[in-house]
Amino acid sequence: MIARWIDNLGDWTLFSLTMPPSIGRKSVKTVRWAITSLPYRGTLITSLYRVGVQTAPVVGLTGLFIGMVLAIQSYPEFNQVGMLSNMGRVINFSLIRELGPVLVATMLAGRVGSAMAAELATMQTSEQVDALECLGVSPIHYLVVPRFLASVLLVPLLTVLAAFAGMMGGAWITIHLFDVPSPDYWRHTQGTIGAWDLVHGMVKPLFFGAAISLISCHRGLSNRTGGAEGVGRAATQAFVISFVVILLIDFFLTMLLSTLEQF
């Protein structure tokens, strides 16, 4: 099992940095290609729509209820010390710095990442990827690059949406359910979020989006099992691996950014 994990990690690294021979004959650095060259016409708009527009409602709804749950769970502790008006500090800080990025990334791994893997696995099974190569079109440039760009560009924006919805949900519960005066709540909330909190909240989604798209596309294009079984396995592996990688990236980025913040 460990040997298989190491083999998959090496294969994914080659996929992210260079096109492996099993997918294409041309050796092209995928990440550099995504930065220095434009994707094919129409492919980026479609990916932006699927990653951003179709995901925004569920991300906003998730953030709203997370903020409301945080307010309900924080109420007993703050009520004991008579500091209900300071609940917004904890809610906003948690959403911006940690919960918002991780929850949005997990949601996207389940919804967008699995869909990417299933779609590309189906194309691999039906030999559409081979047809692209026969037409002289790079599968990486046509299929992976727009999905990679859409994820990197929109995951931070979706994180902002989720955090804002969570702030509004927490404020609504605190003000209307727990009868905290609105002026007091917002006055104590001002100045809670600093520059480094925004750095944490914006840098992490960039890496999360890149990891989700690369892992999902790799699992889809690596599918060699025909039928629904292979497609389902690719979608499941994409979500599980993406979720584990999200937690690892979050851990190491938190350590790095916290260390830089101290200096």
C-alpha atoms as a PDB file:
ATOM      1  CA  MET A   1       0.000   0.000   0.000  1.00  0.00           C
ATOM      2  CA  ILE A   2       2.795   2.424   0.887  1.00  0.00           C
ATOM      3  CA  ALA A   3       4.566   1.610  -2.365  1.00  0.00           C
ATOM      4  CA  ARG A   4       1.361   2.358  -4.280  1.00  0.00           C
ATOM      5  CA  TRP A   5       0.982   5.691  -2.499  1.00  0.00           C
ATOM      6  CA  ILE A   6       4.560   6.641  -3.356  1.00  0.00           C
ATOM      7  CA  ASP A   7       4.016   5.597  -6.967  1.00  0.00           C
ATOM      8  CA  ASN A   8       0.822   7.669  -7.186  1.00  0.00           C
ATOM      9  CA  LEU A   9       2.587  10.664  -5.630  1.00  0.00           C
ATOM     10  CA  GLY A  10       5.379  10.461  -8.188  1.00  0.00           C
ATOM     11  CA  ASP A  11       2.895  10.077 -11.022  1.00  0.00           C
ATOM     12  CA  TRP A  12       0.922  13.104  -9.817  1.00  0.00           C
ATOM     13  CA  THR A  13       4.116  15.161  -9.537  1.00  0.00           C
ATOM     14  CA  LEU A  14       5.030  14.319 -13.103  1.00  0.00           C
ATOM     15  CA  PHE A  15       1.486  15.161 -14.158  1.00  0.00           C
ATOM     16  CA  SER A  16       1.650  18.554 -12.459  1.00  0.00           C
ATOM     17  CA  LEU A  17       5.088  19.514 -13.758  1.00  0.00           C
ATOM     18  CA  THR A  18       5.410  17.601 -17.022  1.00  0.00           C
ATOM     19  CA  MET A  19       3.058  15.592 -19.170  1.00  0.00           C
ATOM     20  CA  PRO A  20       3.744  11.884 -18.595  1.00  0.00           C
ATOM     21  CA  PRO A  21       4.159   9.646 -21.633  1.00  0.00           C
ATOM     22  CA  SER A  22       0.915   7.835 -20.785  1.00  0.00           C
ATOM     23  CA  ILE A  23      -1.074  11.017 -21.411  1.00  0.00           C
ATOM     24  CA  GLY A  24       0.821  12.748 -24.179  1.00  0.00           C
ATOM     25  CA  ARG A  25       4.057  12.652 -26.097  1.00  0.00           C
ATOM     26  CA  LYS A  26       4.954  16.302 -25.737  1.00  0.00           C
ATOM     27  CA  SER A  27       6.792  17.245 -22.566  1.00  0.00           C
ATOM     28  CA  VAL A  28       5.169  20.467 -21.428  1.00  0.00           C
ATOM     29  CA  LYS A  29       5.259  21.944 -17.953  1.00  0.00           C
ATOM     30  CA  THR A  30       1.576  22.120 -17.054  1.00  0.00           C
ATOM     31  CA  VAL A  31       1.680  24.747 -14.319  1.00  0.00           C
ATOM     32  CA  ARG A  32       3.963  27.019 -16.357  1.00  0.00           C
ATOM     33  CA  TRP A  33       1.741  26.500 -19.379  1.00  0.00           C
ATOM     34  CA  ALA A  34      -1.282  27.568 -17.347  1.00  0.00           C
ATOM     35  CA  ILE A  35       0.491  30.788 -16.374  1.00  0.00           C
ATOM     36  CA  THR A  36       2.169  31.756 -19.633  1.00  0.00           C
ATOM     37  CA  SER A  37      -0.372  30.678 -22.259  1.00  0.00           C
ATOM     38  CA  LEU A  38      -4.077  31.185 -22.754  1.00  0.00           C
ATOM     39  CA  PRO A  39      -6.420  28.175 -22.720  1.00  0.00           C
ATOM     40  CA  TYR A  40      -8.444  27.266 -25.788  1.00  0.00           C
ATOM     41  CA  ARG A  41     -11.294  29.624 -26.648  1.00  0.00           C
ATOM     42  CA  GLY A  42     -14.441  28.891 -24.667  1.00  0.00           C
ATOM     43  CA  THR A  43     -12.925  26.336 -22.308  1.00  0.00           C
ATOM     44  CA  LEU A  44     -12.086  28.787 -19.512  1.00  0.00           C
ATOM     45  CA  ILE A  45     -15.552  30.386 -19.485  1.00  0.00           C
ATOM     46  CA  THR A  46     -17.178  26.979 -19.130  1.00  0.00           C
ATOM     47  CA  SER A  47     -14.862  26.024 -16.276  1.00  0.00           C
ATOM     48  CA  LEU A  48     -15.414  29.356 -14.520  1.00  0.00           C
ATOM     49  CA  TYR A  49     -19.156  28.848 -14.749  1.00  0.00           C
ATOM     50  CA  ARG A  50     -19.008  25.337 -13.322  1.00  0.00           C
ATOM     51  CA  VAL A  51     -16.569  26.131 -10.535  1.00  0.00           C
ATOM     52  CA  GLY A  52     -17.922  29.556  -9.615  1.00  0.00           C
ATOM     53  CA  VAL A  53     -21.532  30.188 -10.586  1.00  0.00           C
ATOM     54  CA  GLN A  54     -22.871  26.697  -9.988  1.00  0.00           C
ATOM     55  CA  THR A  55     -21.020  26.361  -6.682  1.00  0.00           C
ATOM     56  CA  ALA A  56     -21.684  29.816  -5.217  1.00  0.00           C
ATOM     57  CA  PRO A  57     -25.210  29.080  -3.822  1.00  0.00           C
ATOM     58  CA  VAL A  58     -24.179  25.995  -1.866  1.00  0.00           C
ATOM     59  CA  VAL A  59     -20.986  27.695  -0.639  1.00  0.00           C
ATOM     60  CA  GLY A  60     -22.934  30.738   0.546  1.00  0.00           C
ATOM     61  CA  LEU A  61     -25.540  28.559   2.253  1.00  0.00           C
ATOM     62  CA  THR A  62     -22.831  26.510   3.960  1.00  0.00           C
ATOM     63  CA  GLY A  63     -21.050  29.618   5.213  1.00  0.00           C
ATOM     64  CA  LEU A  64     -24.333  31.081   6.489  1.00  0.00           C
ATOM     65  CA  PHE A  65     -25.165  28.067   8.623  1.00  0.00           C
ATOM     66  CA  ILE A  66     -21.584  27.675   9.851  1.00  0.00           C
ATOM     67  CA  GLY A  67     -21.693  31.234  11.166  1.00  0.00           C
ATOM     68  CA  MET A  68     -25.035  30.594  12.833  1.00  0.00           C
ATOM     69  CA  VAL A  69     -23.771  27.396  14.452  1.00  0.00           C
ATOM     70  CA  LEU A  70     -20.647  29.177  15.710  1.00  0.00           C
ATOM     71  CA  ALA A  71     -22.835  31.839  17.315  1.00  0.00           C
ATOM     72  CA  ILE A  72     -25.022  29.251  19.040  1.00  0.00           C
ATOM     73  CA  GLN A  73     -22.041  27.287  20.318  1.00  0.00           C
ATOM     74  CA  SER A  74     -20.211  30.394  21.527  1.00  0.00           C
ATOM     75  CA  TYR A  75     -23.203  31.805  23.387  1.00  0.00           C
ATOM     76  CA  PRO A  76     -22.911  29.801  26.679  1.00  0.00           C
ATOM     77  CA  GLU A  77     -19.256  30.684  27.244  1.00  0.00           C
ATOM     78  CA  PHE A  78     -19.628  34.382  26.440  1.00  0.00           C
ATOM     79  CA  ASN A  79     -22.841  34.600  28.425  1.00  0.00           C
ATOM     80  CA  GLN A  80     -21.128  33.306  31.551  1.00  0.00           C
ATOM     81  CA  VAL A  81     -18.617  36.166  31.515  1.00  0.00           C
ATOM     82  CA  GLY A  82     -21.088  38.794  30.265  1.00  0.00           C
ATOM     83  CA  MET A  83     -19.316  39.466  26.959  1.00  0.00           C
ATOM     84  CA  LEU A  84     -21.991  38.625  24.403  1.00  0.00           C
ATOM     85  CA  SER A  85     -21.165  41.701  22.344  1.00  0.00           C
ATOM     86  CA  ASN A  86     -17.688  40.232  21.699  1.00  0.00           C
ATOM     87  CA  MET A  87     -19.016  37.078  20.059  1.00  0.00           C
ATOM     88  CA  GLY A  88     -18.496  38.612  16.628  1.00  0.00           C
ATOM     89  CA  ARG A  89     -14.737  38.698  17.183  1.00  0.00           C
ATOM     90  CA  VAL A  90     -14.507  34.921  17.586  1.00  0.00           C
ATOM     91  CA  ILE A  91     -16.940  34.186  14.759  1.00  0.00           C
ATOM     92  CA  ASN A  92     -15.260  36.461  12.229  1.00  0.00           C
ATOM     93  CA  PHE A  93     -11.749  35.437  13.209  1.00  0.00           C
ATOM     94  CA  SER A  94     -12.585  31.729  12.884  1.00  0.00           C
ATOM     95  CA  LEU A  95     -14.302  32.158   9.523  1.00  0.00           C
ATOM     96  CA  ILE A  96     -11.626  34.310   7.908  1.00  0.00           C
ATOM     97  CA  ARG A  97      -8.552  32.542   9.191  1.00  0.00           C
ATOM     98  CA  GLU A  98      -9.451  28.851   9.235  1.00  0.00           C
ATOM     99  CA  LEU A  99     -13.018  27.590   8.845  1.00  0.00           C
ATOM    100  CA  GLY A 100     -13.851  29.525   5.692  1.00  0.00           C
ATOM    101  CA  PRO A 101     -10.912  28.355   3.538  1.00  0.00           C
ATOM    102  CA  VAL A 102     -11.021  24.729   4.718  1.00  0.00           C
ATOM    103  CA  LEU A 103     -14.800  24.322   4.464  1.00  0.00           C
ATOM    104  CA  VAL A 104     -14.979  25.882   1.014  1.00  0.00           C
ATOM    105  CA  ALA A 105     -12.089  23.718  -0.199  1.00  0.00           C
ATOM    106  CA  THR A 106     -13.762  20.598   1.192  1.00  0.00           C
ATOM    107  CA  MET A 107     -17.048  21.541  -0.455  1.00  0.00           C
ATOM    108  CA  LEU A 108     -15.316  22.101  -3.790  1.00  0.00           C
ATOM    109  CA  ALA A 109     -13.409  18.833  -3.503  1.00  0.00           C
ATOM    110  CA  GLY A 110     -16.697  17.007  -3.086  1.00  0.00           C
ATOM    111  CA  ARG A 111     -18.690  18.846  -5.695  1.00  0.00           C
ATOM    112  CA  VAL A 112     -16.281  20.217  -8.312  1.00  0.00           C
ATOM    113  CA  GLY A 113     -13.327  17.869  -7.848  1.00  0.00           C
ATOM    114  CA  SER A 114     -15.422  14.718  -8.078  1.00  0.00           C
ATOM    115  CA  ALA A 115     -17.207  16.079 -11.138  1.00  0.00           C
ATOM    116  CA  MET A 116     -13.879  16.854 -12.844  1.00  0.00           C
ATOM    117  CA  ALA A 117     -12.548  13.386 -12.140  1.00  0.00           C
ATOM    118  CA  ALA A 118     -15.741  11.667 -13.297  1.00  0.00           C
ATOM    119  CA  GLU A 119     -15.947  13.725 -16.497  1.00  0.00           C
ATOM    120  CA  LEU A 120     -12.323  13.142 -17.488  1.00  0.00           C
ATOM    121  CA  ALA A 121     -12.511   9.480 -16.533  1.00  0.00           C
ATOM    122  CA  THR A 122     -15.523   9.094 -18.815  1.00  0.00           C
ATOM    123  CA  MET A 123     -13.648  10.836 -21.628  1.00  0.00           C
ATOM    124  CA  GLN A 124     -10.665   8.564 -21.054  1.00  0.00           C
ATOM    125  CA  THR A 125     -12.852   5.466 -21.117  1.00  0.00           C
ATOM    126  CA  SER A 126     -14.684   6.537 -24.271  1.00  0.00           C
ATOM    127  CA  GLU A 127     -11.332   7.348 -25.969  1.00  0.00           C
ATOM    128  CA  GLN A 128     -12.157  11.038 -26.378  1.00  0.00           C
ATOM    129  CA  VAL A 129      -8.748  11.919 -24.905  1.00  0.00           C
ATOM    130  CA  ASP A 130      -7.053   9.795 -27.564  1.00  0.00           C
ATOM    131  CA  ALA A 131      -9.178  11.525 -30.202  1.00  0.00           C
ATOM    132  CA  LEU A 132      -7.871  14.908 -29.048  1.00  0.00           C
ATOM    133  CA  GLU A 133      -4.293  13.709 -29.471  1.00  0.00           C
ATOM    134  CA  CYS A 134      -5.093  12.418 -32.957  1.00  0.00           C
ATOM    135  CA  LEU A 135      -6.364  15.911 -33.824  1.00  0.00           C
ATOM    136  CA  GLY A 136      -3.103  17.432 -32.604  1.00  0.00           C
ATOM    137  CA  VAL A 137      -4.668  18.966 -29.479  1.00  0.00           C
ATOM    138  CA  SER A 138      -2.910  18.535 -26.150  1.00  0.00           C
ATOM    139  CA  PRO A 139      -5.309  16.991 -23.591  1.00  0.00           C
ATOM    140  CA  ILE A 140      -3.533  18.871 -20.819  1.00  0.00           C
ATOM    141  CA  HIS A 141      -3.890  22.236 -22.527  1.00  0.00           C
ATOM    142  CA  TYR A 142      -7.492  21.633 -23.565  1.00  0.00           C
ATOM    143  CA  LEU A 143      -8.849  19.811 -20.504  1.00  0.00           C
ATOM    144  CA  VAL A 144      -6.633  20.494 -17.492  1.00  0.00           C
ATOM    145  CA  VAL A 145      -5.419  24.086 -17.904  1.00  0.00           C
ATOM    146  CA  PRO A 146      -8.878  25.763 -17.896  1.00  0.00           C
ATOM    147  CA  ARG A 147      -9.978  23.725 -14.870  1.00  0.00           C
ATOM    148  CA  PHE A 148      -6.742  24.582 -13.070  1.00  0.00           C
ATOM    149  CA  LEU A 149      -7.094  28.308 -13.774  1.00  0.00           C
ATOM    150  CA  ALA A 150     -10.777  28.363 -12.810  1.00  0.00           C
ATOM    151  CA  SER A 151     -10.076  26.683  -9.481  1.00  0.00           C
ATOM    152  CA  VAL A 152      -7.127  28.918  -8.604  1.00  0.00           C
ATOM    153  CA  LEU A 153      -8.993  32.106  -9.545  1.00  0.00           C
ATOM    154  CA  LEU A 154     -12.383  31.358  -7.999  1.00  0.00           C
ATOM    155  CA  VAL A 155     -11.675  29.422  -4.798  1.00  0.00           C
ATOM    156  CA  PRO A 156     -10.451  32.602  -3.020  1.00  0.00           C
ATOM    157  CA  LEU A 157     -13.571  34.472  -4.180  1.00  0.00           C
ATOM    158  CA  LEU A 158     -15.817  31.652  -3.005  1.00  0.00           C
ATOM    159  CA  THR A 159     -14.002  31.737   0.328  1.00  0.00           C
ATOM    160  CA  VAL A 160     -14.807  35.448   0.659  1.00  0.00           C
ATOM    161  CA  LEU A 161     -18.458  34.672  -0.113  1.00  0.00           C
ATOM    162  CA  ALA A 162     -18.609  31.919   2.505  1.00  0.00           C
ATOM    163  CA  ALA A 163     -16.906  34.087   5.139  1.00  0.00           C
ATOM    164  CA  PHE A 164     -19.239  37.016   4.478  1.00  0.00           C
ATOM    165  CA  ALA A 165     -22.307  34.778   4.649  1.00  0.00           C
ATOM    166  CA  GLY A 166     -21.021  33.267   7.890  1.00  0.00           C
ATOM    167  CA  MET A 167     -20.472  36.717   9.406  1.00  0.00           C
ATOM    168  CA  MET A 168     -24.008  37.746   8.525  1.00  0.00           C
ATOM    169  CA  GLY A 169     -25.419  34.496   9.901  1.00  0.00           C
ATOM    170  CA  GLY A 170     -23.520  34.847  13.158  1.00  0.00           C
ATOM    171  CA  ALA A 171     -24.563  38.489  13.504  1.00  0.00           C
ATOM    172  CA  TRP A 172     -28.223  37.647  12.871  1.00  0.00           C
ATOM    173  CA  ILE A 173     -28.277  34.928  15.541  1.00  0.00           C
ATOM    174  CA  THR A 174     -26.419  37.069  18.068  1.00  0.00           C
ATOM    175  CA  ILE A 175     -28.550  40.170  17.556  1.00  0.00           C
ATOM    176  CA  HIS A 176     -32.018  38.696  17.006  1.00  0.00           C
ATOM    177  CA  LEU A 177     -31.886  35.442  18.985  1.00  0.00           C
ATOM    178  CA  PHE A 178     -29.680  36.453  21.907  1.00  0.00           C
ATOM    179  CA  ASP A 179     -30.875  40.093  22.036  1.00  0.00           C
ATOM    180  CA  VAL A 180     -27.442  41.693  21.799  1.00  0.00           C
ATOM    181  CA  PRO A 181     -27.803  45.362  20.765  1.00  0.00           C
ATOM    182  CA  SER A 182     -26.763  45.783  17.157  1.00  0.00           C
ATOM    183  CA  PRO A 183     -24.571  48.908  17.726  1.00  0.00           C
ATOM    184  CA  ASP A 184     -22.658  47.154  20.523  1.00  0.00           C
ATOM    185  CA  TYR A 185     -22.125  44.033  18.434  1.00  0.00           C
ATOM    186  CA  TRP A 186     -20.749  45.853  15.404  1.00  0.00           C
ATOM    187  CA  ARG A 187     -18.678  48.269  17.494  1.00  0.00           C
ATOM    188  CA  HIS A 188     -16.890  45.427  19.272  1.00  0.00           C
ATOM    189  CA  THR A 189     -16.447  43.600  15.973  1.00  0.00           C
ATOM    190  CA  GLN A 190     -14.582  46.443  14.286  1.00  0.00           C
ATOM    191  CA  GLY A 191     -10.852  45.918  14.006  1.00  0.00           C
ATOM    192  CA  THR A 192     -11.082  42.169  14.596  1.00  0.00           C
ATOM    193  CA  ILE A 193      -9.604  41.177  11.238  1.00  0.00           C
ATOM    194  CA  GLY A 194      -6.020  42.242  10.626  1.00  0.00           C
ATOM    195  CA  ALA A 195      -3.794  42.118   7.580  1.00  0.00           C
ATOM    196  CA  TRP A 196      -2.289  38.746   8.481  1.00  0.00           C
ATOM    197  CA  ASP A 197      -5.742  37.262   8.975  1.00  0.00           C
ATOM    198  CA  LEU A 198      -6.557  38.241   5.405  1.00  0.00           C
ATOM    199  CA  VAL A 199      -3.263  36.747   4.249  1.00  0.00           C
ATOM    200  CA  HIS A 200      -4.217  33.450   5.895  1.00  0.00           C
ATOM    201  CA  GLY A 201      -7.689  33.589   4.379  1.00  0.00           C
ATOM    202  CA  MET A 202      -6.529  34.379   0.828  1.00  0.00           C
ATOM    203  CA  VAL A 203      -3.272  32.443   0.455  1.00  0.00           C
ATOM    204  CA  LYS A 204      -4.640  29.094   1.580  1.00  0.00           C
ATOM    205  CA  PRO A 205      -7.480  28.962  -1.010  1.00  0.00           C
ATOM    206  CA  LEU A 206      -4.974  29.498  -3.832  1.00  0.00           C
ATOM    207  CA  PHE A 207      -3.115  26.331  -2.874  1.00  0.00           C
ATOM    208  CA  PHE A 208      -6.339  24.471  -2.126  1.00  0.00           C
ATOM    209  CA  GLY A 209      -7.768  25.276  -5.552  1.00  0.00           C
ATOM    210  CA  ALA A 210      -4.581  24.246  -7.346  1.00  0.00           C
ATOM    211  CA  ALA A 211      -4.377  20.966  -5.425  1.00  0.00           C
ATOM    212  CA  ILE A 212      -8.036  20.071  -5.983  1.00  0.00           C
ATOM    213  CA  SER A 213      -7.906  20.673  -9.729  1.00  0.00           C
ATOM    214  CA  LEU A 214      -4.592  18.883 -10.314  1.00  0.00           C
ATOM    215  CA  ILE A 215      -5.520  15.877  -8.177  1.00  0.00           C
ATOM    216  CA  SER A 216      -8.988  15.554  -9.711  1.00  0.00           C
ATOM    217  CA  CYS A 217      -7.755  15.881 -13.294  1.00  0.00           C
ATOM    218  CA  HIS A 218      -4.944  13.425 -12.631  1.00  0.00           C
ATOM    219  CA  ARG A 219      -7.327  10.836 -11.189  1.00  0.00           C
ATOM    220  CA  GLY A 220      -9.682  11.268 -14.138  1.00  0.00           C
ATOM    221  CA  LEU A 221      -7.042  11.015 -16.854  1.00  0.00           C
ATOM    222  CA  SER A 222      -5.334   8.106 -15.077  1.00  0.00           C
ATOM    223  CA  ASN A 223      -8.493   6.004 -15.288  1.00  0.00           C
ATOM    224  CA  ARG A 224      -7.806   2.769 -17.141  1.00  0.00           C
ATOM    225  CA  THR A 225     -10.857   0.805 -16.002  1.00  0.00           C
ATOM    226  CA  GLY A 226     -13.821   0.851 -18.339  1.00  0.00           C
ATOM    227  CA  GLY A 227     -17.423   1.343 -17.339  1.00  0.00           C
ATOM    228  CA  ALA A 228     -19.124   2.973 -14.383  1.00  0.00           C
ATOM    229  CA  GLU A 229     -16.834   1.256 -11.886  1.00  0.00           C
ATOM    230  CA  GLY A 230     -13.751   3.092 -13.096  1.00  0.00           C
ATOM    231  CA  VAL A 231     -15.548   6.436 -13.231  1.00  0.00           C
ATOM    232  CA  GLY A 232     -16.899   6.006  -9.718  1.00  0.00           C
ATOM    233  CA  ARG A 233     -13.505   4.962  -8.396  1.00  0.00           C
ATOM    234  CA  ALA A 234     -11.842   8.002  -9.979  1.00  0.00           C
ATOM    235  CA  ALA A 235     -14.421  10.376  -8.439  1.00  0.00           C
ATOM    236  CA  THR A 236     -14.076   8.783  -5.005  1.00  0.00           C
ATOM    237  CA  GLN A 237     -10.280   8.813  -5.082  1.00  0.00           C
ATOM    238  CA  ALA A 238     -10.278  12.444  -6.221  1.00  0.00           C
ATOM    239  CA  PHE A 239     -12.349  13.535  -3.222  1.00  0.00           C
ATOM    240  CA  VAL A 240     -10.519  11.439  -0.618  1.00  0.00           C
ATOM    241  CA  ILE A 241      -7.041  12.411  -1.789  1.00  0.00           C
ATOM    242  CA  SER A 242      -8.030  16.074  -2.168  1.00  0.00           C
ATOM    243  CA  PHE A 243      -9.456  16.157   1.356  1.00  0.00           C
ATOM    244  CA  VAL A 244      -6.293  14.680   2.885  1.00  0.00           C
ATOM    245  CA  VAL A 245      -4.073  17.030   0.875  1.00  0.00           C
ATOM    246  CA  ILE A 246      -6.195  20.020   1.934  1.00  0.00           C
ATOM    247  CA  LEU A 247      -5.583  19.170   5.591  1.00  0.00           C
ATOM    248  CA  LEU A 248      -1.847  18.721   4.990  1.00  0.00           C
ATOM    249  CA  ILE A 249      -1.545  21.988   3.079  1.00  0.00           C
ATOM    250  CA  ASP A 250      -3.547  23.778   5.762  1.00  0.00           C
ATOM    251  CA  PHE A 251      -1.247  22.467   8.487  1.00  0.00           C
ATOM    252  CA  PHE A 252       2.015  23.429   6.807  1.00  0.00           C
ATOM    253  CA  LEU A 253       0.747  26.797   5.544  1.00  0.00           C
ATOM    254  CA  THR A 254      -0.545  27.654   9.015  1.00  0.00           C
ATOM    255  CA  MET A 255       2.860  26.889  10.495  1.00  0.00           C
ATOM    256  CA  LEU A 256       4.649  28.910   7.812  1.00  0.00           C
ATOM    257  CA  LEU A 257       2.356  31.924   7.927  1.00  0.00           C
ATOM    258  CA  SER A 258       2.245  31.945  11.736  1.00  0.00           C
ATOM    259  CA  THR A 259       6.046  31.917  11.825  1.00  0.00           C
ATOM    260  CA  LEU A 260       6.240  34.771   9.326  1.00  0.00           C
ATOM    261  CA  GLU A 261       3.628  36.681  11.300  1.00  0.00           C
ATOM    262  CA  GLN A 262       5.776  36.549  14.436  1.00  0.00           C
ATOM    263  CA  PHE A 263       8.627  38.258  12.610  1.00  0.00           C
END
